[in-house]
Amino acid sequence: RRRASFAAAWQAGVTCWSLACFALMTKLFSNWQAQTCRSVEEKQDLICSGSVAGNQFLLHVGCFFETTMECELVLVVVACYAMNALVSLAGSALGAWGTWRLLQGLDCREEYRIPE
């Protein structure tokens, strides 16, 4: 009974942690600003800084595609983390439900003195 109570408390903490991670990743995904990401990436890329010699049109197109792809990749990674957090939340909620059912079964056995 003591171990089951400890497991229930631990499972409640895991479920709260999973919920917080899911909320954080969902907020990051929903508040994503692609233009801000691209402007930050443009400042850091060599091809965008103008220090590379070549056709300016091709450099501009290359800069646009590189920064767009980098930002979209980051967005996809954040979406994958959000989905992972959702699956983790579902698993921890299922575990919490199972632990709760176990505690109910133990209470029933103690109440009616059913041998184990």
N, C-alpha and C. Protein backbone atom coordinates (compact mmCIF):
# COMPACT_ATOMS: atom_id res chain seq x y z
N ARG A 1 0.84 -1.21 0.00
CA ARG A 1 0.00 0.00 0.00
C ARG A 1 0.87 1.26 0.00
N ARG A 2 1.98 1.22 0.78
CA ARG A 2 2.86 2.38 0.86
C ARG A 2 3.56 2.64 -0.47
N ARG A 3 3.99 1.56 -1.12
CA ARG A 3 4.65 1.71 -2.42
C ARG A 3 3.68 2.23 -3.48
N ALA A 4 2.44 1.77 -3.41
CA ALA A 4 1.43 2.23 -4.37
C ALA A 4 1.12 3.71 -4.15
N SER A 5 1.09 4.16 -2.91
CA SER A 5 0.86 5.58 -2.63
C SER A 5 2.02 6.43 -3.12
N PHE A 6 3.24 5.91 -2.94
CA PHE A 6 4.41 6.61 -3.45
C PHE A 6 4.36 6.69 -4.97
N ALA A 7 3.98 5.59 -5.60
CA ALA A 7 3.88 5.57 -7.06
C ALA A 7 2.81 6.55 -7.56
N ALA A 8 1.72 6.67 -6.82
CA ALA A 8 0.66 7.60 -7.21
C ALA A 8 1.15 9.05 -7.13
N ALA A 9 1.89 9.38 -6.08
CA ALA A 9 2.43 10.73 -5.95
C ALA A 9 3.44 11.01 -7.06
N TRP A 10 4.30 10.06 -7.34
CA TRP A 10 5.29 10.21 -8.40
C TRP A 10 4.60 10.36 -9.76
N GLN A 11 3.57 9.56 -9.98
CA GLN A 11 2.85 9.62 -11.25
C GLN A 11 2.13 10.95 -11.43
N ALA A 12 1.62 11.51 -10.35
CA ALA A 12 0.99 12.83 -10.42
C ALA A 12 2.01 13.89 -10.82
N GLY A 13 3.22 13.80 -10.28
CA GLY A 13 4.28 14.74 -10.64
C GLY A 13 4.68 14.61 -12.10
N VAL A 14 4.78 13.37 -12.57
CA VAL A 14 5.14 13.13 -13.97
C VAL A 14 4.05 13.68 -14.90
N THR A 15 2.80 13.50 -14.53
CA THR A 15 1.71 14.00 -15.35
C THR A 15 1.72 15.53 -15.40
N CYS A 16 1.97 16.17 -14.27
CA CYS A 16 2.06 17.64 -14.25
C CYS A 16 3.24 18.12 -15.09
N TRP A 17 4.38 17.43 -15.01
CA TRP A 17 5.55 17.79 -15.80
C TRP A 17 5.24 17.65 -17.30
N SER A 18 4.59 16.57 -17.68
CA SER A 18 4.24 16.35 -19.08
C SER A 18 3.27 17.42 -19.58
N LEU A 19 2.34 17.80 -18.74
CA LEU A 19 1.39 18.85 -19.11
C LEU A 19 2.11 20.18 -19.30
N ALA A 20 3.05 20.49 -18.42
CA ALA A 20 3.80 21.75 -18.54
C ALA A 20 4.65 21.75 -19.82
N CYS A 21 5.29 20.63 -20.13
CA CYS A 21 6.09 20.55 -21.36
C CYS A 21 5.22 20.69 -22.59
N PHE A 22 4.06 20.05 -22.58
CA PHE A 22 3.15 20.16 -23.72
C PHE A 22 2.67 21.60 -23.88
N ALA A 23 2.34 22.27 -22.78
CA ALA A 23 1.88 23.65 -22.86
C ALA A 23 2.98 24.56 -23.40
N LEU A 24 4.22 24.35 -22.95
CA LEU A 24 5.34 25.18 -23.40
C LEU A 24 5.60 24.98 -24.89
N MET A 25 5.65 23.73 -25.33
CA MET A 25 5.93 23.47 -26.75
C MET A 25 4.79 23.95 -27.65
N THR A 26 3.57 23.82 -27.18
CA THR A 26 2.43 24.31 -27.96
C THR A 26 2.46 25.83 -28.08
N LYS A 27 2.84 26.50 -26.99
CA LYS A 27 2.95 27.96 -27.01
C LYS A 27 4.06 28.40 -27.95
N LEU A 28 5.20 27.71 -27.90
CA LEU A 28 6.30 28.04 -28.82
C LEU A 28 5.87 27.86 -30.27
N PHE A 29 5.17 26.77 -30.55
CA PHE A 29 4.73 26.50 -31.92
C PHE A 29 3.71 27.52 -32.39
N SER A 30 2.75 27.86 -31.54
CA SER A 30 1.69 28.77 -31.97
C SER A 30 2.16 30.23 -32.08
N ASN A 31 3.19 30.60 -31.34
CA ASN A 31 3.69 31.98 -31.38
C ASN A 31 4.90 32.15 -32.29
N TRP A 32 5.14 31.18 -33.15
CA TRP A 32 6.31 31.22 -34.02
C TRP A 32 6.18 32.37 -35.02
N GLN A 33 7.25 33.13 -35.16
CA GLN A 33 7.27 34.25 -36.12
C GLN A 33 8.37 33.99 -37.13
N ALA A 34 7.97 33.56 -38.30
CA ALA A 34 8.93 33.16 -39.33
C ALA A 34 9.78 34.34 -39.80
N GLN A 35 9.19 35.52 -39.90
CA GLN A 35 9.94 36.68 -40.38
C GLN A 35 11.06 37.05 -39.40
N THR A 36 10.79 36.99 -38.12
CA THR A 36 11.81 37.28 -37.12
C THR A 36 12.94 36.26 -37.19
N CYS A 37 12.57 35.01 -37.35
CA CYS A 37 13.58 33.96 -37.47
C CYS A 37 14.46 34.19 -38.70
N ARG A 38 13.84 34.51 -39.81
CA ARG A 38 14.62 34.74 -41.04
C ARG A 38 15.55 35.94 -40.90
N SER A 39 15.09 37.01 -40.27
CA SER A 39 15.95 38.19 -40.12
C SER A 39 17.13 37.90 -39.20
N VAL A 40 16.92 37.10 -38.18
CA VAL A 40 18.04 36.72 -37.30
C VAL A 40 19.01 35.82 -38.05
N GLU A 41 18.50 34.89 -38.82
CA GLU A 41 19.37 33.99 -39.60
C GLU A 41 20.15 34.76 -40.66
N GLU A 42 19.54 35.76 -41.28
CA GLU A 42 20.24 36.55 -42.29
C GLU A 42 21.46 37.25 -41.72
N LYS A 43 21.37 37.68 -40.48
CA LYS A 43 22.49 38.38 -39.84
C LYS A 43 23.65 37.43 -39.54
N GLN A 44 23.36 36.13 -39.41
CA GLN A 44 24.40 35.19 -39.02
C GLN A 44 25.01 34.42 -40.20
N ASP A 45 24.33 34.37 -41.34
CA ASP A 45 24.81 33.59 -42.47
C ASP A 45 25.83 34.37 -43.30
N LEU A 46 26.88 33.69 -43.72
CA LEU A 46 27.91 34.33 -44.54
C LEU A 46 27.38 34.72 -45.91
N ILE A 47 26.54 33.87 -46.47
CA ILE A 47 26.04 34.14 -47.82
C ILE A 47 25.15 35.39 -47.83
N CYS A 48 24.53 35.69 -46.73
CA CYS A 48 23.64 36.85 -46.64
C CYS A 48 24.37 38.15 -46.27
N SER A 49 25.56 38.02 -45.70
CA SER A 49 26.26 39.21 -45.21
C SER A 49 26.93 40.02 -46.31
N GLY A 50 27.04 39.44 -47.50
CA GLY A 50 27.67 40.17 -48.60
C GLY A 50 29.16 39.97 -48.67
N SER A 51 29.73 39.16 -47.80
CA SER A 51 31.17 38.93 -47.82
C SER A 51 31.59 37.91 -48.87
N VAL A 52 30.61 37.23 -49.47
CA VAL A 52 30.89 36.25 -50.52
C VAL A 52 30.72 36.94 -51.87
N ALA A 53 31.72 36.76 -52.73
CA ALA A 53 31.66 37.39 -54.06
C ALA A 53 30.85 36.51 -55.01
N GLY A 54 30.13 37.14 -55.90
CA GLY A 54 29.36 36.38 -56.88
C GLY A 54 28.19 37.19 -57.40
N ASN A 55 27.35 36.55 -58.16
CA ASN A 55 26.15 37.17 -58.72
C ASN A 55 25.20 37.55 -57.57
N GLN A 56 24.85 38.81 -57.48
CA GLN A 56 24.03 39.29 -56.36
C GLN A 56 22.64 38.67 -56.35
N PHE A 57 22.06 38.45 -57.53
CA PHE A 57 20.74 37.83 -57.59
C PHE A 57 20.79 36.40 -57.03
N LEU A 58 21.78 35.63 -57.46
CA LEU A 58 21.92 34.25 -56.97
C LEU A 58 22.22 34.21 -55.47
N LEU A 59 23.03 35.16 -55.01
CA LEU A 59 23.32 35.23 -53.57
C LEU A 59 22.06 35.56 -52.78
N HIS A 60 21.25 36.47 -53.31
CA HIS A 60 20.00 36.84 -52.63
C HIS A 60 19.04 35.65 -52.58
N VAL A 61 18.91 34.94 -53.70
CA VAL A 61 18.03 33.76 -53.74
C VAL A 61 18.57 32.67 -52.81
N GLY A 62 19.88 32.47 -52.84
CA GLY A 62 20.49 31.47 -51.95
C GLY A 62 20.29 31.83 -50.49
N CYS A 63 20.44 33.10 -50.18
CA CYS A 63 20.22 33.57 -48.80
C CYS A 63 18.77 33.34 -48.37
N PHE A 64 17.83 33.66 -49.26
CA PHE A 64 16.42 33.48 -48.94
C PHE A 64 16.10 32.00 -48.68
N PHE A 65 16.55 31.14 -49.57
CA PHE A 65 16.26 29.71 -49.40
C PHE A 65 16.94 29.13 -48.17
N GLU A 66 18.18 29.53 -47.92
CA GLU A 66 18.89 28.99 -46.76
C GLU A 66 18.22 29.41 -45.45
N THR A 67 17.90 30.68 -45.33
CA THR A 67 17.28 31.14 -44.09
C THR A 67 15.87 30.57 -43.92
N THR A 68 15.13 30.47 -45.02
CA THR A 68 13.78 29.91 -44.93
C THR A 68 13.82 28.45 -44.52
N MET A 69 14.72 27.68 -45.10
CA MET A 69 14.82 26.25 -44.77
C MET A 69 15.27 26.05 -43.33
N GLU A 70 16.21 26.86 -42.86
CA GLU A 70 16.66 26.73 -41.48
C GLU A 70 15.51 27.02 -40.51
N CYS A 71 14.76 28.07 -40.77
CA CYS A 71 13.66 28.43 -39.88
C CYS A 71 12.53 27.40 -39.94
N GLU A 72 12.25 26.88 -41.13
CA GLU A 72 11.22 25.86 -41.24
C GLU A 72 11.64 24.57 -40.55
N LEU A 73 12.91 24.25 -40.63
CA LEU A 73 13.41 23.06 -39.93
C LEU A 73 13.26 23.21 -38.42
N VAL A 74 13.58 24.38 -37.90
CA VAL A 74 13.40 24.62 -36.47
C VAL A 74 11.93 24.51 -36.09
N LEU A 75 11.05 25.03 -36.94
CA LEU A 75 9.61 24.94 -36.66
C LEU A 75 9.14 23.48 -36.65
N VAL A 76 9.64 22.68 -37.57
CA VAL A 76 9.28 21.26 -37.61
C VAL A 76 9.79 20.55 -36.36
N VAL A 77 10.99 20.90 -35.91
CA VAL A 77 11.53 20.29 -34.69
C VAL A 77 10.67 20.66 -33.48
N VAL A 78 10.26 21.91 -33.39
CA VAL A 78 9.39 22.33 -32.28
C VAL A 78 8.05 21.59 -32.35
N ALA A 79 7.51 21.42 -33.57
CA ALA A 79 6.25 20.67 -33.72
C ALA A 79 6.43 19.21 -33.29
N CYS A 80 7.57 18.62 -33.63
CA CYS A 80 7.84 17.23 -33.22
C CYS A 80 7.95 17.13 -31.70
N TYR A 81 8.61 18.09 -31.07
CA TYR A 81 8.69 18.09 -29.61
C TYR A 81 7.31 18.26 -28.99
N ALA A 82 6.46 19.09 -29.58
CA ALA A 82 5.10 19.26 -29.07
C ALA A 82 4.32 17.96 -29.19
N MET A 83 4.46 17.26 -30.31
CA MET A 83 3.78 15.99 -30.48
C MET A 83 4.32 14.95 -29.50
N ASN A 84 5.63 14.94 -29.29
CA ASN A 84 6.23 14.04 -28.31
C ASN A 84 5.71 14.33 -26.91
N ALA A 85 5.56 15.60 -26.59
CA ALA A 85 5.03 15.97 -25.27
C ALA A 85 3.57 15.54 -25.12
N LEU A 86 2.80 15.62 -26.21
CA LEU A 86 1.41 15.17 -26.17
C LEU A 86 1.33 13.66 -25.93
N VAL A 87 2.17 12.90 -26.62
CA VAL A 87 2.19 11.45 -26.42
C VAL A 87 2.64 11.12 -25.00
N SER A 88 3.62 11.84 -24.50
CA SER A 88 4.08 11.64 -23.12
C SER A 88 2.98 11.97 -22.12
N LEU A 89 2.24 13.03 -22.39
CA LEU A 89 1.12 13.39 -21.52
C LEU A 89 0.06 12.30 -21.51
N ALA A 90 -0.25 11.78 -22.70
CA ALA A 90 -1.25 10.71 -22.77
C ALA A 90 -0.78 9.47 -22.02
N GLY A 91 0.50 9.12 -22.17
CA GLY A 91 1.04 7.97 -21.46
C GLY A 91 1.06 8.15 -19.96
N SER A 92 1.43 9.34 -19.51
CA SER A 92 1.46 9.57 -18.07
C SER A 92 0.05 9.65 -17.49
N ALA A 93 -0.91 10.17 -18.26
CA ALA A 93 -2.30 10.17 -17.79
C ALA A 93 -2.83 8.75 -17.70
N LEU A 94 -2.47 7.91 -18.65
CA LEU A 94 -2.87 6.51 -18.60
C LEU A 94 -2.24 5.81 -17.40
N GLY A 95 -0.97 6.11 -17.14
CA GLY A 95 -0.30 5.55 -15.96
C GLY A 95 -0.93 6.03 -14.66
N ALA A 96 -1.32 7.30 -14.63
CA ALA A 96 -1.99 7.84 -13.43
C ALA A 96 -3.34 7.15 -13.21
N TRP A 97 -4.05 6.93 -14.29
CA TRP A 97 -5.34 6.23 -14.18
C TRP A 97 -5.13 4.80 -13.66
N GLY A 98 -4.12 4.12 -14.18
CA GLY A 98 -3.83 2.76 -13.71
C GLY A 98 -3.42 2.73 -12.25
N THR A 99 -2.63 3.69 -11.83
CA THR A 99 -2.22 3.76 -10.43
C THR A 99 -3.42 4.06 -9.53
N TRP A 100 -4.30 4.92 -9.99
CA TRP A 100 -5.51 5.23 -9.23
C TRP A 100 -6.38 3.99 -9.08
N ARG A 101 -6.51 3.23 -10.18
CA ARG A 101 -7.30 2.00 -10.13
C ARG A 101 -6.65 0.98 -9.18
N LEU A 102 -5.33 0.91 -9.17
CA LEU A 102 -4.62 0.02 -8.25
C LEU A 102 -4.91 0.41 -6.81
N LEU A 103 -4.85 1.70 -6.53
CA LEU A 103 -5.14 2.15 -5.16
C LEU A 103 -6.58 1.86 -4.77
N GLN A 104 -7.51 2.01 -5.71
CA GLN A 104 -8.90 1.66 -5.41
C GLN A 104 -9.03 0.18 -5.10
N GLY A 105 -8.34 -0.66 -5.85
CA GLY A 105 -8.38 -2.10 -5.61
C GLY A 105 -7.78 -2.45 -4.26
N LEU A 106 -6.71 -1.78 -3.87
CA LEU A 106 -6.11 -2.03 -2.56
C LEU A 106 -7.03 -1.57 -1.45
N ASP A 107 -7.71 -0.44 -1.64
CA ASP A 107 -8.67 0.03 -0.64
C ASP A 107 -9.82 -0.96 -0.49
N CYS A 108 -10.27 -1.51 -1.59
CA CYS A 108 -11.37 -2.47 -1.57
C CYS A 108 -10.94 -3.73 -0.82
N ARG A 109 -9.72 -4.19 -1.05
CA ARG A 109 -9.24 -5.39 -0.34
C ARG A 109 -9.13 -5.14 1.15
N GLU A 110 -8.64 -3.96 1.54
CA GLU A 110 -8.52 -3.67 2.96
C GLU A 110 -9.88 -3.51 3.61
N GLU A 111 -10.84 -2.94 2.88
CA GLU A 111 -12.18 -2.71 3.44
C GLU A 111 -12.90 -4.02 3.67
N TYR A 112 -12.81 -4.95 2.72
CA TYR A 112 -13.56 -6.21 2.84
C TYR A 112 -12.69 -7.37 3.30
N ARG A 113 -11.44 -7.08 3.63
CA ARG A 113 -10.50 -8.08 4.13
C ARG A 113 -10.33 -9.24 3.15
N ILE A 114 -10.17 -8.94 1.91
CA ILE A 114 -9.97 -9.97 0.90
C ILE A 114 -8.49 -10.34 0.93
N PRO A 115 -8.19 -11.61 1.07
CA PRO A 115 -6.77 -12.01 1.10
C PRO A 115 -6.12 -11.81 -0.26
N GLU A 116 -4.84 -11.51 -0.26
CA GLU A 116 -4.12 -11.24 -1.52
C GLU A 116 -3.72 -12.51 -2.20
